[in-house]
Protein backbone atom coordinates (compact mmCIF):
# COMPACT_ATOMS: atom_id res chain seq x y z
CA UNK A 1 -5.84 14.49 8.51
CA UNK A 2 -4.82 18.02 9.50
CA UNK A 3 -5.33 17.26 13.20
CA UNK A 4 -3.35 14.02 12.87
CA UNK A 5 -0.47 15.89 11.27
CA UNK A 6 -0.52 18.49 14.05
CA UNK A 7 -0.30 15.75 16.67
CA UNK A 8 2.58 14.15 14.75
CA UNK A 9 4.40 17.51 14.57
CA UNK A 10 3.91 18.11 18.29
CA UNK A 11 5.20 14.64 19.14
CA UNK A 12 8.28 15.14 16.94
CA UNK A 13 9.02 18.51 18.54
CA UNK A 14 8.59 17.07 22.04
CA UNK A 15 11.04 14.25 21.29
CA UNK A 16 13.61 16.73 20.02
CA UNK A 17 13.24 18.90 23.12
CA UNK A 18 13.52 15.77 25.27
CA UNK A 19 16.88 15.00 23.62
CA UNK A 20 18.15 18.50 24.38
CA UNK A 21 16.88 18.12 27.96
CA UNK A 22 18.84 14.88 28.32
CA UNK A 23 22.06 16.74 27.47
CA UNK A 24 21.17 19.42 30.05
CA UNK A 25 20.39 16.81 32.73
CA UNK A 26 23.73 15.11 32.10
CA UNK A 27 25.50 18.45 32.57
CA UNK A 28 23.46 19.15 35.69
CA UNK A 29 24.35 15.76 37.18
CA UNK A 30 28.06 16.36 36.56
CA UNK A 31 28.19 13.77 33.80
CA UNK A 32 29.95 14.13 30.48
CA UNK A 33 27.17 14.66 27.89
CA UNK A 34 26.76 11.71 25.57
CA UNK A 35 24.41 10.07 23.09
CA UNK A 36 24.25 6.29 22.57
CA UNK A 37 23.41 4.82 19.16
CA UNK A 38 23.46 1.43 17.48
CA UNK A 39 26.79 0.84 15.74
CA UNK A 40 25.97 1.64 12.13
CA UNK A 41 28.30 -0.75 10.37
CA UNK A 42 27.65 -3.72 8.11
CA UNK A 43 28.90 -6.06 10.83
CA UNK A 44 26.13 -4.84 13.17
CA UNK A 45 23.29 -5.43 10.71
CA UNK A 46 21.40 -8.68 11.06
CA UNK A 47 18.56 -10.30 9.21
CA UNK A 48 15.54 -10.73 11.46
CA UNK A 49 13.95 -14.01 10.42
CA UNK A 50 10.72 -13.21 12.27
CA UNK A 51 10.04 -9.96 10.41
CA UNK A 52 12.13 -10.82 7.30
CA UNK A 53 13.89 -7.45 7.29
CA UNK A 54 17.31 -5.99 8.11
CA UNK A 55 17.66 -4.61 11.66
CA UNK A 56 20.50 -3.33 13.83
CA UNK A 57 22.28 -5.74 16.14
CA UNK A 58 23.12 -5.24 19.82
CA UNK A 59 26.37 -3.34 19.48
CA UNK A 60 26.29 0.37 20.30
CA UNK A 61 28.62 3.34 20.06
CA UNK A 62 28.63 6.52 22.11
CA UNK A 63 28.95 10.14 20.98
CA UNK A 64 30.62 11.68 24.01
CA UNK A 65 31.96 15.14 24.85
CA UNK A 66 35.02 13.58 26.49
CA UNK A 67 37.00 14.38 23.32
CA UNK A 68 37.13 17.43 21.07
CA UNK A 69 35.76 15.42 18.17
CA UNK A 70 32.90 14.03 20.25
CA UNK A 71 32.10 17.44 21.72
CA UNK A 72 31.84 18.89 18.20
CA UNK A 73 29.36 16.18 17.22
CA UNK A 74 27.15 16.93 20.22
CA UNK A 75 27.41 20.67 19.57
CA UNK A 76 26.23 20.14 15.99
CA UNK A 77 23.45 17.89 17.26
CA UNK A 78 22.30 20.60 19.68
CA UNK A 79 22.20 23.29 17.01
CA UNK A 80 20.36 20.93 14.64
CA UNK A 81 17.80 20.03 17.32
CA UNK A 82 17.13 23.71 17.92
CA UNK A 83 16.72 24.33 14.18
CA UNK A 84 14.36 21.37 13.70
CA UNK A 85 12.22 22.27 16.73
CA UNK A 86 11.82 25.83 15.42
CA UNK A 87 11.03 24.53 11.94
CA UNK A 88 8.24 22.37 13.34
CA UNK A 89 6.90 25.22 15.46
CA UNK A 90 6.71 27.44 12.35
CA UNK A 91 5.28 24.63 10.19
CA UNK A 92 8.10 25.00 7.68
CA UNK A 93 10.20 22.38 5.90
CA UNK A 94 13.67 22.15 4.40
CA UNK A 95 15.81 19.83 2.35
CA UNK A 96 18.80 17.87 3.58
CA UNK A 97 20.94 20.03 1.32
CA UNK A 98 19.52 23.23 2.81
CA UNK A 99 20.36 22.04 6.32
CA UNK A 100 24.02 21.77 5.34
CA UNK A 101 24.01 25.38 4.11
CA UNK A 102 21.87 26.64 7.00
CA UNK A 103 24.60 25.53 9.40
CA UNK A 104 26.89 28.12 7.79
CA UNK A 105 24.72 30.82 9.40
CA UNK A 106 25.02 29.43 12.94
CA UNK A 107 26.91 31.72 15.32
CA UNK A 108 29.41 29.06 16.42
CA UNK A 109 31.78 27.99 13.64
CA UNK A 110 32.42 24.70 15.42
CA UNK A 111 28.76 23.80 14.71
CA UNK A 112 29.14 24.16 10.95
CA UNK A 113 29.01 20.92 8.97
CA UNK A 114 32.11 20.05 6.96
CA UNK A 115 30.03 18.48 4.16
CA UNK A 116 26.51 17.28 3.45
CA UNK A 117 27.35 13.69 4.26
CA UNK A 118 27.98 14.78 7.85
CA UNK A 119 24.63 16.58 8.16
CA UNK A 120 22.81 13.64 6.53
CA UNK A 121 24.29 11.21 9.04
CA UNK A 122 23.36 13.47 11.95
CA UNK A 123 19.73 13.53 10.81
CA UNK A 124 19.82 9.71 10.69
CA UNK A 125 21.31 9.68 14.22
CA UNK A 126 18.48 11.90 15.46
CA UNK A 127 15.93 9.62 13.80
CA UNK A 128 17.34 6.67 15.70
CA UNK A 129 17.63 8.20 19.16
CA UNK A 130 14.32 10.10 18.97
CA UNK A 131 12.41 7.27 17.24
CA UNK A 132 10.95 9.93 14.93
CA UNK A 133 11.34 9.77 11.14
CA UNK A 134 13.02 12.63 9.30
CA UNK A 135 9.80 13.19 7.37
CA UNK A 136 8.18 14.08 10.70
CA UNK A 137 10.98 16.59 11.28
CA UNK A 138 9.78 18.15 7.98
CA UNK A 139 13.10 17.23 6.37
CA UNK A 140 13.02 16.06 2.78
CA UNK A 141 15.62 14.77 0.31
CA UNK A 142 16.68 16.57 -2.84
CA UNK A 143 15.46 13.89 -5.21
CA UNK A 144 11.91 14.19 -6.46
CA UNK A 145 9.50 11.48 -5.54
CA UNK A 146 8.86 8.64 -7.95
CA UNK A 147 5.54 8.37 -9.77
CA UNK A 148 2.65 5.96 -9.89
CA UNK A 149 -0.14 5.30 -12.36
CA UNK A 150 -3.23 3.20 -11.84
CA UNK A 151 -6.87 2.98 -10.70
CA UNK A 152 -6.39 4.54 -7.26
CA UNK A 153 -8.10 7.62 -5.80
CA UNK A 154 -6.32 9.37 -2.97
CA UNK A 155 -6.57 12.44 -0.77
CA UNK A 156 -3.27 14.25 -0.32
CA UNK A 157 -2.69 16.78 2.43
CA UNK A 158 -0.67 19.78 1.27
CA UNK A 159 0.18 23.21 2.65
CA UNK A 160 -2.51 24.57 0.30
CA UNK A 161 -5.21 22.24 1.57
CA UNK A 162 -6.37 18.73 0.85
CA UNK A 163 -6.61 17.52 -2.77
CA UNK A 164 -8.45 14.48 -4.10
CA UNK A 165 -6.66 12.89 -7.05
CA UNK A 166 -7.38 9.86 -9.20
CA UNK A 167 -4.03 8.40 -10.25
CA UNK A 168 -5.25 7.72 -13.79
CA UNK A 169 -8.05 10.14 -14.55
CA UNK A 170 -6.58 13.27 -12.94
CA UNK A 171 -2.97 12.95 -14.06
CA UNK A 172 -1.08 13.11 -17.32
CA UNK A 173 0.99 10.39 -18.95
CA UNK A 174 3.67 10.98 -16.33
CA UNK A 175 1.45 9.85 -13.46
CA UNK A 176 1.02 11.02 -9.88
CA UNK A 177 4.19 12.14 -8.12
CA UNK A 178 4.64 10.56 -4.71
CA UNK A 179 5.20 13.21 -2.01
CA UNK A 180 8.25 13.08 0.22
CA UNK A 181 6.05 11.99 3.12
CA UNK A 182 3.52 9.44 1.80
CA UNK A 183 1.86 9.26 5.21
CA UNK A 184 0.09 12.50 4.22
CA UNK A 185 -1.88 10.42 1.69
CA UNK A 186 -5.25 8.85 2.45
CA UNK A 187 -6.43 6.01 0.20
CA UNK A 188 -10.07 6.69 -0.75
CA UNK A 189 -11.07 4.03 -3.28
CA UNK A 190 -9.45 1.79 -5.86
CA UNK A 191 -9.83 -0.98 -8.42
CA UNK A 192 -6.19 -2.09 -8.13
CA UNK A 193 -5.48 -5.81 -8.38
CA UNK A 194 -1.73 -5.63 -7.74
CA UNK A 195 1.19 -3.19 -7.44
CA UNK A 196 3.89 -3.41 -10.12
CA UNK A 197 7.16 -1.73 -9.06
CA UNK A 198 9.32 -1.04 -12.14
CA UNK A 199 13.02 -0.20 -12.03
CA UNK A 200 13.53 1.87 -15.18
CA UNK A 201 11.69 4.87 -16.55
CA UNK A 202 11.77 3.45 -20.07
CA UNK A 203 9.95 0.29 -19.03
CA UNK A 204 7.50 2.22 -16.87
CA UNK A 205 6.62 4.37 -19.91
CA UNK A 206 6.25 1.27 -22.06
CA UNK A 207 3.75 -0.30 -19.65
CA UNK A 208 1.70 2.91 -19.46
CA UNK A 209 1.77 3.52 -23.21
CA UNK A 210 0.63 -0.06 -23.81
CA UNK A 211 -2.23 0.37 -21.32
CA UNK A 212 -0.98 -2.29 -18.93
CA UNK A 213 -2.40 -0.41 -15.92
CA UNK A 214 -5.85 -0.34 -17.59
CA UNK A 215 -5.84 -3.88 -18.94
CA UNK A 216 -4.81 -5.52 -15.65
CA UNK A 217 -5.92 -2.94 -13.06
CA UNK A 218 -2.28 -2.60 -12.09
CA UNK A 219 -0.82 0.25 -10.07
CA UNK A 220 2.51 0.92 -11.80
CA UNK A 221 5.13 2.41 -9.45
CA UNK A 222 8.33 3.74 -10.97
CA UNK A 223 11.26 2.94 -8.68
CA UNK A 224 13.80 5.07 -10.55
CA UNK A 225 16.70 2.76 -9.79
CA UNK A 226 17.45 2.33 -6.08
CA UNK A 227 14.09 3.44 -4.66
CA UNK A 228 13.75 6.45 -2.39
CA UNK A 229 12.26 6.07 1.08
CA UNK A 230 8.98 7.64 -0.03
CA UNK A 231 8.62 5.05 -2.79
CA UNK A 232 9.27 2.14 -0.45
CA UNK A 233 6.93 3.59 2.18
CA UNK A 234 3.94 4.01 -0.13
CA UNK A 235 4.55 0.52 -1.54
CA UNK A 236 4.40 -0.92 1.96
CA UNK A 237 1.25 1.04 2.78
CA UNK A 238 -0.45 -0.18 -0.40
CA UNK A 239 0.31 -3.76 0.60
CA UNK A 240 -0.50 -3.50 4.30
CA UNK A 241 -3.55 -1.23 4.19
CA UNK A 242 -5.17 -2.30 0.91
CA UNK A 243 -4.01 -5.93 1.02
CA UNK A 244 -2.51 -5.67 -2.48
CA UNK A 245 0.11 -8.07 -3.85
CA UNK A 246 3.40 -6.33 -4.70
CA UNK A 247 5.68 -7.48 -7.53
CA UNK A 248 9.03 -6.00 -8.57
CA UNK A 249 10.20 -5.84 -12.19
CA UNK A 250 13.88 -4.97 -12.73
CA UNK A 251 16.84 -5.57 -15.01
CA UNK A 252 18.48 -8.98 -14.83
CA UNK A 253 21.71 -8.21 -12.99
CA UNK A 254 22.93 -8.44 -9.37
CA UNK A 255 22.51 -4.74 -8.68
CA UNK A 256 18.87 -4.88 -9.74
CA UNK A 257 18.29 -7.91 -7.52
CA UNK A 258 19.43 -5.68 -4.67
CA UNK A 259 16.83 -3.11 -5.72
CA UNK A 260 14.26 -5.86 -5.23
CA UNK A 261 15.92 -6.68 -1.90
CA UNK A 262 15.60 -3.09 -0.68
CA UNK A 263 11.87 -3.06 -1.50
CA UNK A 264 11.26 -6.44 0.10
CA UNK A 265 13.69 -6.58 3.02
CA UNK A 266 15.08 -3.10 3.56
CA UNK A 267 18.58 -1.73 3.14
CA UNK A 268 21.58 -1.60 5.43
CA UNK A 269 21.60 2.22 5.34
CA UNK A 270 18.02 2.47 6.63
CA UNK A 271 17.96 -0.61 8.89
CA UNK A 272 16.41 1.45 11.70
CA UNK A 273 13.34 1.93 9.47
CA UNK A 274 13.02 -1.51 7.90
CA UNK A 275 9.71 -2.34 9.54
CA UNK A 276 8.36 1.01 8.29
CA UNK A 277 9.72 0.75 4.73
CA UNK A 278 10.13 -2.89 3.74
CA UNK A 279 7.51 -5.18 2.19
CA UNK A 280 8.74 -8.76 2.81
CA UNK A 281 5.81 -10.21 0.88
CA UNK A 282 6.95 -8.55 -2.38
CA UNK A 283 7.76 -10.98 -5.19
CA UNK A 284 10.32 -10.77 -7.98
CA UNK A 285 8.97 -10.89 -11.54
CA UNK A 286 12.17 -10.59 -13.56
CA UNK A 287 14.22 -10.22 -15.61
CA UNK A 288 15.28 -13.70 -14.47
CA UNK A 289 18.44 -15.41 -15.72
CA UNK A 290 16.08 -18.14 -16.91
CA UNK A 291 14.35 -15.53 -19.09
CA UNK A 292 17.66 -14.75 -20.78
CA UNK A 293 17.90 -18.40 -21.78
CA UNK A 294 14.23 -19.01 -22.60
CA UNK A 295 13.74 -15.90 -24.72
CA UNK A 296 17.30 -15.67 -26.09
CA UNK A 297 17.45 -12.03 -24.97
CA UNK A 298 20.18 -9.60 -26.08
CA UNK A 299 22.76 -9.55 -23.29
CA UNK A 300 26.01 -8.09 -22.00
CA UNK A 301 28.77 -10.21 -20.45
CA UNK A 302 29.05 -10.21 -16.66
CA UNK A 303 31.85 -7.96 -15.43
CA UNK A 304 34.11 -9.07 -12.58
CA UNK A 305 32.16 -6.80 -10.24
CA UNK A 306 28.91 -8.50 -11.33
CA UNK A 307 30.37 -11.93 -10.64
CA UNK A 308 31.59 -10.87 -7.20
CA UNK A 309 28.17 -9.36 -6.41
CA UNK A 310 26.35 -12.53 -7.47
CA UNK A 311 28.65 -14.69 -5.38
CA UNK A 312 28.03 -12.37 -2.44
CA UNK A 313 24.28 -12.68 -2.93
CA UNK A 314 24.54 -16.47 -2.61
CA UNK A 315 25.58 -15.78 1.00
CA UNK A 316 23.04 -12.99 1.55
CA UNK A 317 20.11 -14.06 3.79
CA UNK A 318 17.71 -12.16 1.54
CA UNK A 319 18.56 -14.49 -1.36
CA UNK A 320 18.96 -17.77 0.51
CA UNK A 321 16.12 -19.68 -1.13
CA UNK A 322 16.00 -22.48 -3.67
CA UNK A 323 14.63 -20.05 -6.27
CA UNK A 324 17.39 -17.47 -5.89
CA UNK A 325 20.16 -20.06 -5.60
CA UNK A 326 19.01 -21.67 -8.85
CA UNK A 327 18.73 -18.34 -10.70
CA UNK A 328 22.03 -16.90 -9.48
CA UNK A 329 23.95 -20.10 -10.20
CA UNK A 330 22.42 -20.16 -13.69
CA UNK A 331 23.52 -16.57 -14.28
CA UNK A 332 27.05 -17.34 -13.16
CA UNK A 333 27.03 -20.33 -15.49
CA UNK A 334 25.86 -18.43 -18.60
CA UNK A 335 27.96 -15.36 -17.72
CA UNK A 336 25.34 -12.90 -19.03
CA UNK A 337 23.02 -10.13 -17.87
CA UNK A 338 20.11 -8.38 -19.58
CA UNK A 339 18.08 -5.19 -19.27
CA UNK A 340 14.30 -5.00 -19.01
CA UNK A 341 14.11 -3.31 -22.37
CA UNK A 342 15.89 -6.22 -24.03
CA UNK A 343 12.37 -7.68 -24.25
CA UNK A 344 11.76 -5.15 -27.04
CA UNK A 345 13.83 -7.41 -29.30
CA UNK A 346 10.61 -9.42 -29.62
CA UNK A 347 8.45 -6.35 -30.31
CA UNK A 348 7.19 -3.38 -28.34
CA UNK A 349 4.07 -5.23 -27.18
CA UNK A 350 5.80 -8.44 -26.13
CA UNK A 351 6.35 -7.33 -22.53
CA UNK A 352 2.67 -6.54 -21.94
CA UNK A 353 1.09 -9.13 -24.23
CA UNK A 354 3.27 -12.13 -23.45
CA UNK A 355 6.05 -11.78 -20.90
CA UNK A 356 4.33 -10.16 -17.93
CA UNK A 357 0.98 -12.00 -18.27
CA UNK A 358 2.83 -15.32 -18.41
CA UNK A 359 5.04 -14.53 -15.39
CA UNK A 360 2.22 -13.07 -13.32
CA UNK A 361 0.04 -16.09 -14.06
CA UNK A 362 2.87 -18.43 -12.98
CA UNK A 363 3.17 -16.45 -9.75
CA UNK A 364 -0.57 -16.58 -9.04
CA UNK A 365 -0.97 -12.80 -9.27
CA UNK A 366 -3.45 -12.82 -12.17
């Protein structure tokens, strides 16, 4: 794995240097330096029915030095490329937040970022034009990786050497923390029957405490709300490389349905990485609106924003199926939403003894 990582680092550095060389060649040819990117707006995102994920459309925009604003953007890009290439050469890493502050030390004040959102977007731009992921630039987000628990043995490559870890036997109750770049993980052996992605920490802890991972040979992945890229990437790898079914267990509200959508189909923000991050074969377990009715779960009334989001989802290609139409229309009709942990109203063991086994059996997972 060490040699593979070195090749990946060299390729990333070469692509960055190639970008800088393109700017130089444009200068040398008497052209105004520029960089062309897909237009990153909602109107230029389309749903690819062949791959079942979000992708960018055909519209593009150009970062050009023919204006002061455009020249500043290219200047910042040049300084960032130099920083990233040096970082790779030295085998170092940094966070997105650190990059924002590092720019304050650059000798040209015009290259300083005005805020972190600007530096984040530039890294995304460089991902797109270089076709190299930020993880391969050795850039990482601030948020810690989510955790997983289940009968899986892995080898993780770290700066201190390779480590073999069993994600049940070698970890505490909290589980194994997913690294920022899950491609540094090698799957060694497993007894996993399916992957269970869980939205909330409280429900994840309930499943582990109740021994759900042991009883059903489930790999429980904590999404932590809207899942980070690392969480979506390892989920996809588990499906594609180990041929494991993936199911998603969230709250019963429109925002949680979108969490499922980001796991299964990708997100608008990371449309350039959908085929790398999304798992279109993932299935939704619940909480379903039908569950609210069938189990008479404790609920909250839908807010206006919830209603608008549900109505929007009826027009969203990710939810244009008979199943989702039926469930969303039912939720609009009853005017209620429910959390995962509302299942505790029927006892702490109900979710693992009754609810999940019944749903997973209906879905053909167990």
